[in-house]
Amino acid sequence: MRALIGLDDDLASVSAPIRVALCAAPPAPCGDPRFDAALAAIVDYQLSKGRLPMPDWVREPSRVLKEDWVVTSNTDVAEVPAAFRRHGVILTQSELASVCRLHSQDIDEVLLALVQVDRPGFPGVRGEKWSISITKWCDTRR
């Protein structure tokens, strides 16, 4: 599961052209059809989200499960993205997100809401700079 979270984080953190390049070549089968389908679902999700070109390997029958795989028992099926359902992988994006990514997104929202003007003692420091610093900190903790 950690490898799936890492892949999703990595694809979410790069620019669109890099994301497409990283996904162009098919990964070798790992020996477990569930994880092969999950890899394809993550790539499908990340590329579809950005309306980016989809490599053919993502739609190969070997990357689609015949029976749904419910990855965690507390998954709300209504929240499963279409890309995951297409591959038979029942997993929500929130279950896949890493703690650092979720944490930095939450902090980004708070900082952007609260730090819209210069603060006394911190001239020129706005929410965007704080957000970048927090994201870099999270990246160093992986």
C-alpha atoms as a PDB file:
ATOM      1  CA  MET A   1       0.000   0.000   0.000  1.00  0.00           C
ATOM      2  CA  ARG A   2       2.885   2.342   0.775  1.00  0.00           C
ATOM      3  CA  ALA A   3       4.144   2.036  -2.825  1.00  0.00           C
ATOM      4  CA  LEU A   4       0.701   2.996  -4.157  1.00  0.00           C
ATOM      5  CA  ILE A   5       0.574   6.044  -1.891  1.00  0.00           C
ATOM      6  CA  GLY A   6       4.078   7.004  -3.017  1.00  0.00           C
ATOM      7  CA  LEU A   7       3.157   6.693  -6.701  1.00  0.00           C
ATOM      8  CA  ASP A   8       0.055   8.830  -6.231  1.00  0.00           C
ATOM      9  CA  ASP A   9       2.039  11.465  -4.299  1.00  0.00           C
ATOM     10  CA  ASP A  10       4.803  11.499  -6.906  1.00  0.00           C
ATOM     11  CA  LEU A  11       2.430  11.896  -9.846  1.00  0.00           C
ATOM     12  CA  ALA A  12       0.442  14.595  -8.044  1.00  0.00           C
ATOM     13  CA  SER A  13       3.594  16.579  -7.298  1.00  0.00           C
ATOM     14  CA  VAL A  14       4.997  16.937 -10.832  1.00  0.00           C
ATOM     15  CA  SER A  15       4.002  19.079 -13.796  1.00  0.00           C
ATOM     16  CA  ALA A  16       1.682  17.711 -16.483  1.00  0.00           C
ATOM     17  CA  PRO A  17       4.410  17.019 -19.087  1.00  0.00           C
ATOM     18  CA  ILE A  18       6.523  15.140 -16.515  1.00  0.00           C
ATOM     19  CA  ARG A  19       3.463  13.192 -15.341  1.00  0.00           C
ATOM     20  CA  VAL A  20       2.755  12.045 -18.924  1.00  0.00           C
ATOM     21  CA  ALA A  21       6.403  11.087 -19.475  1.00  0.00           C
ATOM     22  CA  LEU A  22       6.536   9.091 -16.228  1.00  0.00           C
ATOM     23  CA  CYS A  23       3.452   7.124 -17.230  1.00  0.00           C
ATOM     24  CA  ALA A  24       4.299   6.428 -20.885  1.00  0.00           C
ATOM     25  CA  ALA A  25       6.016   3.063 -20.428  1.00  0.00           C
ATOM     26  CA  PRO A  26       4.055   0.228 -18.827  1.00  0.00           C
ATOM     27  CA  PRO A  27       5.356  -1.089 -15.530  1.00  0.00           C
ATOM     28  CA  ALA A  28       6.218  -4.775 -15.495  1.00  0.00           C
ATOM     29  CA  PRO A  29       3.549  -6.970 -13.901  1.00  0.00           C
ATOM     30  CA  CYS A  30       4.230  -7.287 -10.172  1.00  0.00           C
ATOM     31  CA  GLY A  31       2.716 -10.759  -9.795  1.00  0.00           C
ATOM     32  CA  ASP A  32      -0.480  -9.627  -8.071  1.00  0.00           C
ATOM     33  CA  PRO A  33      -3.262  -8.584 -10.469  1.00  0.00           C
ATOM     34  CA  ARG A  34      -4.807  -6.373  -7.758  1.00  0.00           C
ATOM     35  CA  PHE A  35      -1.710  -4.197  -7.552  1.00  0.00           C
ATOM     36  CA  ASP A  36      -1.289  -4.169 -11.337  1.00  0.00           C
ATOM     37  CA  ALA A  37      -4.848  -2.831 -11.571  1.00  0.00           C
ATOM     38  CA  ALA A  38      -4.234  -0.357  -8.742  1.00  0.00           C
ATOM     39  CA  LEU A  39      -1.155   1.050 -10.515  1.00  0.00           C
ATOM     40  CA  ALA A  40      -3.198   1.518 -13.680  1.00  0.00           C
ATOM     41  CA  ALA A  41      -6.035   3.095 -11.674  1.00  0.00           C
ATOM     42  CA  ILE A  42      -3.676   5.640 -10.095  1.00  0.00           C
ATOM     43  CA  VAL A  43      -2.184   6.556 -13.464  1.00  0.00           C
ATOM     44  CA  ASP A  44      -5.680   6.711 -14.989  1.00  0.00           C
ATOM     45  CA  TYR A  45      -6.849   8.964 -12.147  1.00  0.00           C
ATOM     46  CA  GLN A  46      -3.860  11.325 -12.224  1.00  0.00           C
ATOM     47  CA  LEU A  47      -3.848  11.683 -16.016  1.00  0.00           C
ATOM     48  CA  SER A  48      -7.643  11.965 -16.324  1.00  0.00           C
ATOM     49  CA  LYS A  49      -7.703  14.638 -13.634  1.00  0.00           C
ATOM     50  CA  GLY A  50      -5.403  16.762 -15.778  1.00  0.00           C
ATOM     51  CA  ARG A  51      -7.083  15.753 -19.063  1.00  0.00           C
ATOM     52  CA  LEU A  52      -3.756  14.377 -20.209  1.00  0.00           C
ATOM     53  CA  PRO A  53      -3.067  11.688 -22.844  1.00  0.00           C
ATOM     54  CA  MET A  54      -3.595   8.161 -21.582  1.00  0.00           C
ATOM     55  CA  PRO A  55      -1.076   5.446 -22.522  1.00  0.00           C
ATOM     56  CA  ASP A  56      -2.579   2.288 -24.019  1.00  0.00           C
ATOM     57  CA  TRP A  57      -1.229   0.020 -21.270  1.00  0.00           C
ATOM     58  CA  VAL A  58      -3.597   1.589 -18.717  1.00  0.00           C
ATOM     59  CA  ARG A  59      -6.629   0.102 -20.537  1.00  0.00           C
ATOM     60  CA  GLU A  60      -5.178  -3.366 -21.114  1.00  0.00           C
ATOM     61  CA  PRO A  61      -7.451  -6.162 -19.836  1.00  0.00           C
ATOM     62  CA  SER A  62      -4.689  -7.377 -17.506  1.00  0.00           C
ATOM     63  CA  ARG A  63      -4.968  -4.016 -15.691  1.00  0.00           C
ATOM     64  CA  VAL A  64      -8.694  -4.408 -15.022  1.00  0.00           C
ATOM     65  CA  LEU A  65      -9.930  -6.784 -12.316  1.00  0.00           C
ATOM     66  CA  LYS A  66     -12.765  -9.184 -13.082  1.00  0.00           C
ATOM     67  CA  GLU A  67     -14.067  -8.793  -9.524  1.00  0.00           C
ATOM     68  CA  ASP A  68     -13.839  -5.584  -7.485  1.00  0.00           C
ATOM     69  CA  TRP A  69     -11.086  -5.384  -4.914  1.00  0.00           C
ATOM     70  CA  VAL A  70     -12.242  -3.526  -1.806  1.00  0.00           C
ATOM     71  CA  VAL A  71      -8.881  -2.363  -0.481  1.00  0.00           C
ATOM     72  CA  THR A  72     -10.050  -1.189   2.950  1.00  0.00           C
ATOM     73  CA  SER A  73     -13.164  -2.251   4.781  1.00  0.00           C
ATOM     74  CA  ASN A  74     -14.405   1.266   5.579  1.00  0.00           C
ATOM     75  CA  THR A  75     -14.432   2.582   1.995  1.00  0.00           C
ATOM     76  CA  ASP A  76     -17.440   4.692   1.035  1.00  0.00           C
ATOM     77  CA  VAL A  77     -18.108   3.363  -2.473  1.00  0.00           C
ATOM     78  CA  ALA A  78     -19.838   6.628  -3.428  1.00  0.00           C
ATOM     79  CA  GLU A  79     -16.486   8.407  -3.024  1.00  0.00           C
ATOM     80  CA  VAL A  80     -14.474   6.061  -5.249  1.00  0.00           C
ATOM     81  CA  PRO A  81     -13.252   7.965  -8.329  1.00  0.00           C
ATOM     82  CA  ALA A  82     -14.404   6.663 -11.723  1.00  0.00           C
ATOM     83  CA  ALA A  83     -10.808   5.867 -12.709  1.00  0.00           C
ATOM     84  CA  PHE A  84     -10.534   3.419  -9.812  1.00  0.00           C
ATOM     85  CA  ARG A  85     -13.944   1.864 -10.510  1.00  0.00           C
ATOM     86  CA  ARG A  86     -12.940   1.309 -14.160  1.00  0.00           C
ATOM     87  CA  HIS A  87     -10.117  -0.907 -12.919  1.00  0.00           C
ATOM     88  CA  GLY A  88     -12.129  -2.684 -10.224  1.00  0.00           C
ATOM     89  CA  VAL A  89     -10.141  -1.059  -7.421  1.00  0.00           C
ATOM     90  CA  ILE A  90     -12.435   0.199  -4.664  1.00  0.00           C
ATOM     91  CA  LEU A  91     -10.328   2.850  -2.994  1.00  0.00           C
ATOM     92  CA  THR A  92     -11.018   6.536  -2.392  1.00  0.00           C
ATOM     93  CA  GLN A  93      -8.518   9.260  -3.096  1.00  0.00           C
ATOM     94  CA  SER A  94      -8.502  10.249   0.590  1.00  0.00           C
ATOM     95  CA  GLU A  95      -7.459   6.688   1.542  1.00  0.00           C
ATOM     96  CA  LEU A  96      -4.590   6.933  -0.901  1.00  0.00           C
ATOM     97  CA  ALA A  97      -3.310  10.366   0.096  1.00  0.00           C
ATOM     98  CA  SER A  98      -0.258  10.470   2.313  1.00  0.00           C
ATOM     99  CA  VAL A  99      -0.368  12.125   5.711  1.00  0.00           C
ATOM    100  CA  CYS A 100       2.164  14.753   4.621  1.00  0.00           C
ATOM    101  CA  ARG A 101       0.151  15.616   1.507  1.00  0.00           C
ATOM    102  CA  LEU A 102      -3.091  15.885   3.446  1.00  0.00           C
ATOM    103  CA  HIS A 103      -1.422  17.845   6.219  1.00  0.00           C
ATOM    104  CA  SER A 104       0.222  20.332   3.860  1.00  0.00           C
ATOM    105  CA  GLN A 105      -3.040  20.811   1.914  1.00  0.00           C
ATOM    106  CA  ASP A 106      -4.933  21.564   5.129  1.00  0.00           C
ATOM    107  CA  ILE A 107      -2.253  23.987   6.282  1.00  0.00           C
ATOM    108  CA  ASP A 108      -2.122  25.599   2.842  1.00  0.00           C
ATOM    109  CA  GLU A 109      -5.860  26.307   3.007  1.00  0.00           C
ATOM    110  CA  VAL A 110      -5.613  27.802   6.482  1.00  0.00           C
ATOM    111  CA  LEU A 111      -2.559  29.903   5.654  1.00  0.00           C
ATOM    112  CA  LEU A 112      -3.995  31.182   2.410  1.00  0.00           C
ATOM    113  CA  ALA A 113      -7.154  32.197   4.251  1.00  0.00           C
ATOM    114  CA  LEU A 114      -5.364  33.833   7.204  1.00  0.00           C
ATOM    115  CA  VAL A 115      -2.195  35.273   5.712  1.00  0.00           C
ATOM    116  CA  GLN A 116      -3.508  37.368   2.847  1.00  0.00           C
ATOM    117  CA  VAL A 117      -1.835  40.579   4.019  1.00  0.00           C
ATOM    118  CA  ASP A 118       1.631  41.401   5.292  1.00  0.00           C
ATOM    119  CA  ARG A 119       2.018  40.663   8.995  1.00  0.00           C
ATOM    120  CA  PRO A 120       3.833  43.065  11.348  1.00  0.00           C
ATOM    121  CA  GLY A 121       7.367  41.822  11.843  1.00  0.00           C
ATOM    122  CA  PHE A 122       7.175  39.681   8.696  1.00  0.00           C
ATOM    123  CA  PRO A 123       7.100  42.185   5.818  1.00  0.00           C
ATOM    124  CA  GLY A 124       6.480  40.615   2.437  1.00  0.00           C
ATOM    125  CA  VAL A 125       5.606  37.176   3.842  1.00  0.00           C
ATOM    126  CA  ARG A 126       2.352  35.935   2.397  1.00  0.00           C
ATOM    127  CA  GLY A 127       0.558  32.596   2.526  1.00  0.00           C
ATOM    128  CA  GLU A 128       2.127  31.277  -0.677  1.00  0.00           C
ATOM    129  CA  LYS A 129       5.666  31.415   0.746  1.00  0.00           C
ATOM    130  CA  TRP A 130       4.565  29.676   3.933  1.00  0.00           C
ATOM    131  CA  SER A 131       2.806  26.977   1.893  1.00  0.00           C
ATOM    132  CA  ILE A 132       5.910  26.280  -0.161  1.00  0.00           C
ATOM    133  CA  SER A 133       8.005  25.996   2.997  1.00  0.00           C
ATOM    134  CA  ILE A 134       5.565  23.539   4.586  1.00  0.00           C
ATOM    135  CA  THR A 135       5.432  21.443   1.413  1.00  0.00           C
ATOM    136  CA  LYS A 136       9.243  21.316   1.261  1.00  0.00           C
ATOM    137  CA  TRP A 137       9.341  20.306   4.932  1.00  0.00           C
ATOM    138  CA  CYS A 138       6.905  17.452   4.278  1.00  0.00           C
ATOM    139  CA  ASP A 139       8.959  16.328   1.296  1.00  0.00           C
ATOM    140  CA  THR A 140      12.084  16.059   3.448  1.00  0.00           C
ATOM    141  CA  ARG A 141      10.219  13.848   5.951  1.00  0.00           C
ATOM    142  CA  ARG A 142       9.314  11.085   3.437  1.00  0.00           C
END
